[in-house]
Amino acid sequence: MGTLAGVRAFTAAALDALGGVDIVVNNAAAARAHIKGISSIPDEEWIDALDLNYLSAVRVNNALLPALREAGPGPVGHRSEPDSRRR
């Protein structure tokens, strides 16, 4: 989900399997602990975190928006916590 290609593959597979969508829940997130604090986080890691935690939701929404509009009014939810993969 951290790349445009990954989102496109995922949303295409979802639309193919489901025949459409009427709700979207974005629930991708990840983070690493940094003992030395925020200033120790390398720039590449910030970019990776933004790609997964923020841009993946934007990309999923954009990819599924035509199907959502076709289905009629429907909710779009967002959940982004580093531990969301464990629940």
PDB file of N, CA and C in Angstrom:
ATOM      1  N   MET A   1       0.804  -1.192   0.000  1.00  0.00           N
ATOM      2  CA  MET A   1       0.000   0.000   0.000  1.00  0.00           C
ATOM      3  C   MET A   1       0.852   1.263   0.000  1.00  0.00           C
ATOM      4  N   GLY A   2       2.135   1.118   0.146  1.00  0.00           N
ATOM      5  CA  GLY A   2       3.007   2.276   0.219  1.00  0.00           C
ATOM      6  C   GLY A   2       3.450   2.823  -1.129  1.00  0.00           C
ATOM      7  N   THR A   3       2.944   2.231  -2.216  1.00  0.00           N
ATOM      8  CA  THR A   3       3.294   2.730  -3.548  1.00  0.00           C
ATOM      9  C   THR A   3       2.032   2.878  -4.387  1.00  0.00           C
ATOM     10  N   LEU A   4       2.096   3.736  -5.384  1.00  0.00           N
ATOM     11  CA  LEU A   4       0.964   3.910  -6.288  1.00  0.00           C
ATOM     12  C   LEU A   4       0.654   2.607  -7.019  1.00  0.00           C
ATOM     13  N   ALA A   5       1.687   1.892  -7.436  1.00  0.00           N
ATOM     14  CA  ALA A   5       1.480   0.611  -8.125  1.00  0.00           C
ATOM     15  C   ALA A   5       0.781  -0.396  -7.211  1.00  0.00           C
ATOM     16  N   GLY A   6       1.179  -0.449  -5.954  1.00  0.00           N
ATOM     17  CA  GLY A   6       0.545  -1.353  -5.002  1.00  0.00           C
ATOM     18  C   GLY A   6      -0.919  -1.020  -4.774  1.00  0.00           C
ATOM     19  N   VAL A   7      -1.221   0.257  -4.655  1.00  0.00           N
ATOM     20  CA  VAL A   7      -2.610   0.685  -4.464  1.00  0.00           C
ATOM     21  C   VAL A   7      -3.443   0.362  -5.699  1.00  0.00           C
ATOM     22  N   ARG A   8      -2.891   0.616  -6.870  1.00  0.00           N
ATOM     23  CA  ARG A   8      -3.631   0.312  -8.103  1.00  0.00           C
ATOM     24  C   ARG A   8      -3.940  -1.177  -8.212  1.00  0.00           C
ATOM     25  N   ALA A   9      -2.962  -2.020  -7.889  1.00  0.00           N
ATOM     26  CA  ALA A   9      -3.179  -3.470  -7.938  1.00  0.00           C
ATOM     27  C   ALA A   9      -4.235  -3.890  -6.919  1.00  0.00           C
ATOM     28  N   PHE A  10      -4.145  -3.357  -5.712  1.00  0.00           N
ATOM     29  CA  PHE A  10      -5.092  -3.705  -4.652  1.00  0.00           C
ATOM     30  C   PHE A  10      -6.514  -3.272  -5.007  1.00  0.00           C
ATOM     31  N   THR A  11      -6.674  -2.020  -5.438  1.00  0.00           N
ATOM     32  CA  THR A  11      -8.021  -1.526  -5.721  1.00  0.00           C
ATOM     33  C   THR A  11      -8.620  -2.215  -6.944  1.00  0.00           C
ATOM     34  N   ALA A  12      -7.799  -2.515  -7.941  1.00  0.00           N
ATOM     35  CA  ALA A  12      -8.303  -3.241  -9.114  1.00  0.00           C
ATOM     36  C   ALA A  12      -8.773  -4.635  -8.716  1.00  0.00           C
ATOM     37  N   ALA A  13      -8.006  -5.312  -7.874  1.00  0.00           N
ATOM     38  CA  ALA A  13      -8.398  -6.649  -7.409  1.00  0.00           C
ATOM     39  C   ALA A  13      -9.673  -6.583  -6.578  1.00  0.00           C
ATOM     40  N   ALA A  14      -9.788  -5.565  -5.733  1.00  0.00           N
ATOM     41  CA  ALA A  14     -10.991  -5.411  -4.904  1.00  0.00           C
ATOM     42  C   ALA A  14     -12.220  -5.174  -5.777  1.00  0.00           C
ATOM     43  N   LEU A  15     -12.104  -4.278  -6.738  1.00  0.00           N
ATOM     44  CA  LEU A  15     -13.237  -4.003  -7.623  1.00  0.00           C
ATOM     45  C   LEU A  15     -13.605  -5.231  -8.444  1.00  0.00           C
ATOM     46  N   ASP A  16     -12.613  -5.981  -8.891  1.00  0.00           N
ATOM     47  CA  ASP A  16     -12.865  -7.194  -9.662  1.00  0.00           C
ATOM     48  C   ASP A  16     -13.562  -8.247  -8.810  1.00  0.00           C
ATOM     49  N   ALA A  17     -13.087  -8.439  -7.591  1.00  0.00           N
ATOM     50  CA  ALA A  17     -13.655  -9.464  -6.707  1.00  0.00           C
ATOM     51  C   ALA A  17     -15.037  -9.081  -6.191  1.00  0.00           C
ATOM     52  N   LEU A  18     -15.226  -7.796  -5.909  1.00  0.00           N
ATOM     53  CA  LEU A  18     -16.469  -7.351  -5.280  1.00  0.00           C
ATOM     54  C   LEU A  18     -17.495  -6.807  -6.269  1.00  0.00           C
ATOM     55  N   GLY A  19     -17.056  -6.476  -7.452  1.00  0.00           N
ATOM     56  CA  GLY A  19     -17.966  -5.904  -8.430  1.00  0.00           C
ATOM     57  C   GLY A  19     -18.290  -4.442  -8.185  1.00  0.00           C
ATOM     58  N   GLY A  20     -17.659  -3.835  -7.217  1.00  0.00           N
ATOM     59  CA  GLY A  20     -17.889  -2.435  -6.861  1.00  0.00           C
ATOM     60  C   GLY A  20     -17.627  -2.250  -5.381  1.00  0.00           C
ATOM     61  N   VAL A  21     -17.777  -1.035  -4.921  1.00  0.00           N
ATOM     62  CA  VAL A  21     -17.620  -0.747  -3.491  1.00  0.00           C
ATOM     63  C   VAL A  21     -18.675   0.257  -3.062  1.00  0.00           C
ATOM     64  N   ASP A  22     -19.103   0.164  -1.818  1.00  0.00           N
ATOM     65  CA  ASP A  22     -20.027   1.156  -1.278  1.00  0.00           C
ATOM     66  C   ASP A  22     -19.538   1.734   0.045  1.00  0.00           C
ATOM     67  N   ILE A  23     -18.351   1.308   0.468  1.00  0.00           N
ATOM     68  CA  ILE A  23     -17.717   1.833   1.673  1.00  0.00           C
ATOM     69  C   ILE A  23     -16.204   1.633   1.531  1.00  0.00           C
ATOM     70  N   VAL A  24     -15.438   2.554   2.078  1.00  0.00           N
ATOM     71  CA  VAL A  24     -13.977   2.423   2.086  1.00  0.00           C
ATOM     72  C   VAL A  24     -13.494   2.689   3.499  1.00  0.00           C
ATOM     73  N   VAL A  25     -12.671   1.791   4.015  1.00  0.00           N
ATOM     74  CA  VAL A  25     -12.024   1.995   5.311  1.00  0.00           C
ATOM     75  C   VAL A  25     -10.521   1.855   5.095  1.00  0.00           C
ATOM     76  N   ASN A  26      -9.809   2.945   5.242  1.00  0.00           N
ATOM     77  CA  ASN A  26      -8.352   2.941   5.128  1.00  0.00           C
ATOM     78  C   ASN A  26      -7.768   2.584   6.488  1.00  0.00           C
ATOM     79  N   ASN A  27      -6.912   1.549   6.517  1.00  0.00           N
ATOM     80  CA  ASN A  27      -6.383   1.064   7.792  1.00  0.00           C
ATOM     81  C   ASN A  27      -4.934   0.600   7.644  1.00  0.00           C
ATOM     82  N   ALA A  28      -4.140   1.327   6.894  1.00  0.00           N
ATOM     83  CA  ALA A  28      -2.729   0.980   6.734  1.00  0.00           C
ATOM     84  C   ALA A  28      -1.891   1.953   7.545  1.00  0.00           C
ATOM     85  N   ALA A  29      -0.984   1.423   8.331  1.00  0.00           N
ATOM     86  CA  ALA A  29      -0.114   2.296   9.131  1.00  0.00           C
ATOM     87  C   ALA A  29       1.106   1.514   9.591  1.00  0.00           C
ATOM     88  N   ALA A  30       2.167   2.239   9.816  1.00  0.00           N
ATOM     89  CA  ALA A  30       3.388   1.647  10.362  1.00  0.00           C
ATOM     90  C   ALA A  30       4.242   2.760  10.940  1.00  0.00           C
ATOM     91  N   ALA A  31       5.039   2.409  11.908  1.00  0.00           N
ATOM     92  CA  ALA A  31       5.981   3.369  12.506  1.00  0.00           C
ATOM     93  C   ALA A  31       7.074   2.586  13.209  1.00  0.00           C
ATOM     94  N   ARG A  32       8.224   3.204  13.329  1.00  0.00           N
ATOM     95  CA  ARG A  32       9.338   2.602  14.061  1.00  0.00           C
ATOM     96  C   ARG A  32       9.653   3.463  15.272  1.00  0.00           C
ATOM     97  N   ALA A  33      10.096   2.824  16.307  1.00  0.00           N
ATOM     98  CA  ALA A  33      10.518   3.570  17.499  1.00  0.00           C
ATOM     99  C   ALA A  33      11.912   4.142  17.268  1.00  0.00           C
ATOM    100  N   HIS A  34      12.121   5.344  17.742  1.00  0.00           N
ATOM    101  CA  HIS A  34      13.430   5.999  17.639  1.00  0.00           C
ATOM    102  C   HIS A  34      13.827   6.488  19.026  1.00  0.00           C
ATOM    103  N   ILE A  35      14.711   5.741  19.650  1.00  0.00           N
ATOM    104  CA  ILE A  35      15.154   6.035  21.008  1.00  0.00           C
ATOM    105  C   ILE A  35      15.767   7.431  21.115  1.00  0.00           C
ATOM    106  N   LYS A  36      16.467   7.861  20.082  1.00  0.00           N
ATOM    107  CA  LYS A  36      17.156   9.152  20.127  1.00  0.00           C
ATOM    108  C   LYS A  36      16.238  10.330  19.806  1.00  0.00           C
ATOM    109  N   GLY A  37      14.980  10.067  19.560  1.00  0.00           N
ATOM    110  CA  GLY A  37      14.031  11.143  19.326  1.00  0.00           C
ATOM    111  C   GLY A  37      13.792  11.448  17.862  1.00  0.00           C
ATOM    112  N   ILE A  38      12.902  12.380  17.650  1.00  0.00           N
ATOM    113  CA  ILE A  38      12.430  12.711  16.312  1.00  0.00           C
ATOM    114  C   ILE A  38      13.539  13.200  15.386  1.00  0.00           C
ATOM    115  N   SER A  39      14.527  13.877  15.937  1.00  0.00           N
ATOM    116  CA  SER A  39      15.602  14.409  15.090  1.00  0.00           C
ATOM    117  C   SER A  39      16.516  13.316  14.539  1.00  0.00           C
ATOM    118  N   SER A  40      16.387  12.097  15.055  1.00  0.00           N
ATOM    119  CA  SER A  40      17.223  10.998  14.568  1.00  0.00           C
ATOM    120  C   SER A  40      16.590  10.237  13.403  1.00  0.00           C
ATOM    121  N   ILE A  41      15.387  10.605  13.018  1.00  0.00           N
ATOM    122  CA  ILE A  41      14.694   9.889  11.949  1.00  0.00           C
ATOM    123  C   ILE A  41      15.233  10.349  10.592  1.00  0.00           C
ATOM    124  N   PRO A  42      15.740   9.414   9.790  1.00  0.00           N
ATOM    125  CA  PRO A  42      16.272   9.784   8.475  1.00  0.00           C
ATOM    126  C   PRO A  42      15.155  10.241   7.528  1.00  0.00           C
ATOM    127  N   ASP A  43      15.506  11.096   6.603  1.00  0.00           N
ATOM    128  CA  ASP A  43      14.554  11.647   5.649  1.00  0.00           C
ATOM    129  C   ASP A  43      13.822  10.551   4.878  1.00  0.00           C
ATOM    130  N   GLU A  44      14.531   9.505   4.473  1.00  0.00           N
ATOM    131  CA  GLU A  44      13.915   8.412   3.720  1.00  0.00           C
ATOM    132  C   GLU A  44      12.807   7.741   4.526  1.00  0.00           C
ATOM    133  N   GLU A  45      13.004   7.654   5.834  1.00  0.00           N
ATOM    134  CA  GLU A  45      11.990   7.025   6.680  1.00  0.00           C
ATOM    135  C   GLU A  45      10.743   7.902   6.786  1.00  0.00           C
ATOM    136  N   TRP A  46      10.933   9.218   6.834  1.00  0.00           N
ATOM    137  CA  TRP A  46       9.787  10.136   6.812  1.00  0.00           C
ATOM    138  C   TRP A  46       8.992   9.944   5.521  1.00  0.00           C
ATOM    139  N   ILE A  47       9.690   9.846   4.410  1.00  0.00           N
ATOM    140  CA  ILE A  47       9.027   9.676   3.118  1.00  0.00           C
ATOM    141  C   ILE A  47       8.264   8.357   3.081  1.00  0.00           C
ATOM    142  N   ASP A  48       8.879   7.276   3.551  1.00  0.00           N
ATOM    143  CA  ASP A  48       8.198   5.977   3.603  1.00  0.00           C
ATOM    144  C   ASP A  48       6.959   6.043   4.487  1.00  0.00           C
ATOM    145  N   ALA A  49       7.071   6.693   5.638  1.00  0.00           N
ATOM    146  CA  ALA A  49       5.942   6.806   6.565  1.00  0.00           C
ATOM    147  C   ALA A  49       4.799   7.605   5.942  1.00  0.00           C
ATOM    148  N   LEU A  50       5.120   8.698   5.280  1.00  0.00           N
ATOM    149  CA  LEU A  50       4.082   9.497   4.624  1.00  0.00           C
ATOM    150  C   LEU A  50       3.430   8.726   3.483  1.00  0.00           C
ATOM    151  N   ASP A  51       4.218   7.983   2.720  1.00  0.00           N
ATOM    152  CA  ASP A  51       3.658   7.170   1.641  1.00  0.00           C
ATOM    153  C   ASP A  51       2.649   6.165   2.177  1.00  0.00           C
ATOM    154  N   LEU A  52       2.996   5.474   3.243  1.00  0.00           N
ATOM    155  CA  LEU A  52       2.101   4.450   3.774  1.00  0.00           C
ATOM    156  C   LEU A  52       0.976   5.039   4.615  1.00  0.00           C
ATOM    157  N   ASN A  53       1.298   5.897   5.552  1.00  0.00           N
ATOM    158  CA  ASN A  53       0.310   6.364   6.522  1.00  0.00           C
ATOM    159  C   ASN A  53      -0.638   7.428   5.987  1.00  0.00           C
ATOM    160  N   TYR A  54      -0.224   8.194   4.999  1.00  0.00           N
ATOM    161  CA  TYR A  54      -1.080   9.262   4.473  1.00  0.00           C
ATOM    162  C   TYR A  54      -1.421   9.062   2.993  1.00  0.00           C
ATOM    163  N   LEU A  55      -0.391   8.981   2.163  1.00  0.00           N
ATOM    164  CA  LEU A  55      -0.649   8.933   0.724  1.00  0.00           C
ATOM    165  C   LEU A  55      -1.371   7.667   0.282  1.00  0.00           C
ATOM    166  N   SER A  56      -1.208   6.560   0.998  1.00  0.00           N
ATOM    167  CA  SER A  56      -1.945   5.352   0.606  1.00  0.00           C
ATOM    168  C   SER A  56      -3.449   5.588   0.714  1.00  0.00           C
ATOM    169  N   ALA A  57      -3.894   6.294   1.750  1.00  0.00           N
ATOM    170  CA  ALA A  57      -5.322   6.601   1.895  1.00  0.00           C
ATOM    171  C   ALA A  57      -5.798   7.522   0.776  1.00  0.00           C
ATOM    172  N   VAL A  58      -5.014   8.535   0.458  1.00  0.00           N
ATOM    173  CA  VAL A  58      -5.368   9.444  -0.638  1.00  0.00           C
ATOM    174  C   VAL A  58      -5.473   8.664  -1.946  1.00  0.00           C
ATOM    175  N   ARG A  59      -4.514   7.796  -2.192  1.00  0.00           N
ATOM    176  CA  ARG A  59      -4.494   7.020  -3.440  1.00  0.00           C
ATOM    177  C   ARG A  59      -5.657   6.031  -3.515  1.00  0.00           C
ATOM    178  N   VAL A  60      -5.951   5.353  -2.404  1.00  0.00           N
ATOM    179  CA  VAL A  60      -7.084   4.422  -2.381  1.00  0.00           C
ATOM    180  C   VAL A  60      -8.382   5.181  -2.636  1.00  0.00           C
ATOM    181  N   ASN A  61      -8.569   6.290  -1.944  1.00  0.00           N
ATOM    182  CA  ASN A  61      -9.786   7.079  -2.140  1.00  0.00           C
ATOM    183  C   ASN A  61      -9.925   7.521  -3.592  1.00  0.00           C
ATOM    184  N   ASN A  62      -8.849   8.035  -4.179  1.00  0.00           N
ATOM    185  CA  ASN A  62      -8.903   8.488  -5.571  1.00  0.00           C
ATOM    186  C   ASN A  62      -9.209   7.341  -6.528  1.00  0.00           C
ATOM    187  N   ALA A  63      -8.623   6.183  -6.274  1.00  0.00           N
ATOM    188  CA  ALA A  63      -8.845   5.034  -7.151  1.00  0.00           C
ATOM    189  C   ALA A  63     -10.276   4.505  -7.054  1.00  0.00           C
ATOM    190  N   LEU A  64     -10.859   4.579  -5.863  1.00  0.00           N
ATOM    191  CA  LEU A  64     -12.197   4.018  -5.658  1.00  0.00           C
ATOM    192  C   LEU A  64     -13.318   5.041  -5.765  1.00  0.00           C
ATOM    193  N   LEU A  65     -12.990   6.304  -5.889  1.00  0.00           N
ATOM    194  CA  LEU A  65     -14.012   7.345  -5.942  1.00  0.00           C
ATOM    195  C   LEU A  65     -15.029   7.139  -7.068  1.00  0.00           C
ATOM    196  N   PRO A  66     -14.624   6.778  -8.287  1.00  0.00           N
ATOM    197  CA  PRO A  66     -15.640   6.540  -9.322  1.00  0.00           C
ATOM    198  C   PRO A  66     -16.628   5.433  -8.931  1.00  0.00           C
ATOM    199  N   ALA A  67     -16.138   4.344  -8.350  1.00  0.00           N
ATOM    200  CA  ALA A  67     -17.024   3.250  -7.937  1.00  0.00           C
ATOM    201  C   ALA A  67     -17.916   3.677  -6.779  1.00  0.00           C
ATOM    202  N   LEU A  68     -17.385   4.468  -5.857  1.00  0.00           N
ATOM    203  CA  LEU A  68     -18.197   4.978  -4.749  1.00  0.00           C
ATOM    204  C   LEU A  68     -19.314   5.874  -5.264  1.00  0.00           C
ATOM    205  N   ARG A  69     -18.996   6.750  -6.190  1.00  0.00           N
ATOM    206  CA  ARG A  69     -20.013   7.644  -6.758  1.00  0.00           C
ATOM    207  C   ARG A  69     -21.087   6.847  -7.492  1.00  0.00           C
ATOM    208  N   GLU A  70     -20.672   5.808  -8.187  1.00  0.00           N
ATOM    209  CA  GLU A  70     -21.628   4.966  -8.907  1.00  0.00           C
ATOM    210  C   GLU A  70     -22.571   4.249  -7.945  1.00  0.00           C
ATOM    211  N   ALA A  71     -22.060   3.844  -6.786  1.00  0.00           N
ATOM    212  CA  ALA A  71     -22.863   3.118  -5.803  1.00  0.00           C
ATOM    213  C   ALA A  71     -23.812   4.033  -5.036  1.00  0.00           C
ATOM    214  N   GLY A  72     -23.570   5.333  -5.057  1.00  0.00           N
ATOM    215  CA  GLY A  72     -24.389   6.263  -4.284  1.00  0.00           C
ATOM    216  C   GLY A  72     -23.653   6.678  -3.033  1.00  0.00           C
ATOM    217  N   PRO A  73     -24.312   7.442  -2.182  1.00  0.00           N
ATOM    218  CA  PRO A  73     -23.632   7.926  -0.971  1.00  0.00           C
ATOM    219  C   PRO A  73     -23.094   6.769  -0.120  1.00  0.00           C
ATOM    220  N   GLY A  74     -21.866   6.910   0.311  1.00  0.00           N
ATOM    221  CA  GLY A  74     -21.253   5.885   1.153  1.00  0.00           C
ATOM    222  C   GLY A  74     -20.125   6.480   1.961  1.00  0.00           C
ATOM    223  N   PRO A  75     -19.840   5.898   3.105  1.00  0.00           N
ATOM    224  CA  PRO A  75     -18.811   6.461   3.983  1.00  0.00           C
ATOM    225  C   PRO A  75     -17.387   6.096   3.561  1.00  0.00           C
ATOM    226  N   VAL A  76     -16.472   6.966   3.924  1.00  0.00           N
ATOM    227  CA  VAL A  76     -15.038   6.714   3.795  1.00  0.00           C
ATOM    228  C   VAL A  76     -14.455   6.919   5.179  1.00  0.00           C
ATOM    229  N   GLY A  77     -13.840   5.883   5.738  1.00  0.00           N
ATOM    230  CA  GLY A  77     -13.268   5.970   7.084  1.00  0.00           C
ATOM    231  C   GLY A  77     -11.757   5.845   7.051  1.00  0.00           C
ATOM    232  N   HIS A  78     -11.137   6.444   8.044  1.00  0.00           N
ATOM    233  CA  HIS A  78      -9.680   6.405   8.146  1.00  0.00           C
ATOM    234  C   HIS A  78      -9.283   6.001   9.560  1.00  0.00           C
ATOM    235  N   ARG A  79      -8.348   5.074   9.647  1.00  0.00           N
ATOM    236  CA  ARG A  79      -7.768   4.663  10.920  1.00  0.00           C
ATOM    237  C   ARG A  79      -6.283   4.506  10.661  1.00  0.00           C
ATOM    238  N   SER A  80      -5.471   5.180  11.422  1.00  0.00           N
ATOM    239  CA  SER A  80      -4.035   5.110  11.178  1.00  0.00           C
ATOM    240  C   SER A  80      -3.295   5.090  12.500  1.00  0.00           C
ATOM    241  N   GLU A  81      -3.002   3.903  12.954  1.00  0.00           N
ATOM    242  CA  GLU A  81      -2.217   3.710  14.167  1.00  0.00           C
ATOM    243  C   GLU A  81      -1.136   2.698  13.855  1.00  0.00           C
ATOM    244  N   PRO A  82       0.045   2.882  14.391  1.00  0.00           N
ATOM    245  CA  PRO A  82       1.116   1.915  14.124  1.00  0.00           C
ATOM    246  C   PRO A  82       0.748   0.485  14.484  1.00  0.00           C
ATOM    247  N   ASP A  83      -0.134   0.280  15.451  1.00  0.00           N
ATOM    248  CA  ASP A  83      -0.487  -1.084  15.849  1.00  0.00           C
ATOM    249  C   ASP A  83      -1.763  -1.572  15.180  1.00  0.00           C
ATOM    250  N   SER A  84      -2.291  -0.868  14.193  1.00  0.00           N
ATOM    251  CA  SER A  84      -3.548  -1.264  13.568  1.00  0.00           C
ATOM    252  C   SER A  84      -3.455  -2.626  12.892  1.00  0.00           C
ATOM    253  N   ARG A  85      -2.272  -3.050  12.493  1.00  0.00           N
ATOM    254  CA  ARG A  85      -2.117  -4.349  11.841  1.00  0.00           C
ATOM    255  C   ARG A  85      -2.295  -5.508  12.812  1.00  0.00           C
ATOM    256  N   ARG A  86      -2.248  -5.242  14.111  1.00  0.00           N
ATOM    257  CA  ARG A  86      -2.332  -6.313  15.104  1.00  0.00           C
ATOM    258  C   ARG A  86      -3.750  -6.540  15.605  1.00  0.00           C
ATOM    259  N   ARG A  87      -4.683  -5.753  15.206  1.00  0.00           N
ATOM    260  CA  ARG A  87      -6.046  -5.878  15.754  1.00  0.00           C
ATOM    261  C   ARG A  87      -6.954  -6.646  14.855  1.00  0.00           C
TER     262      ARG A  87
END
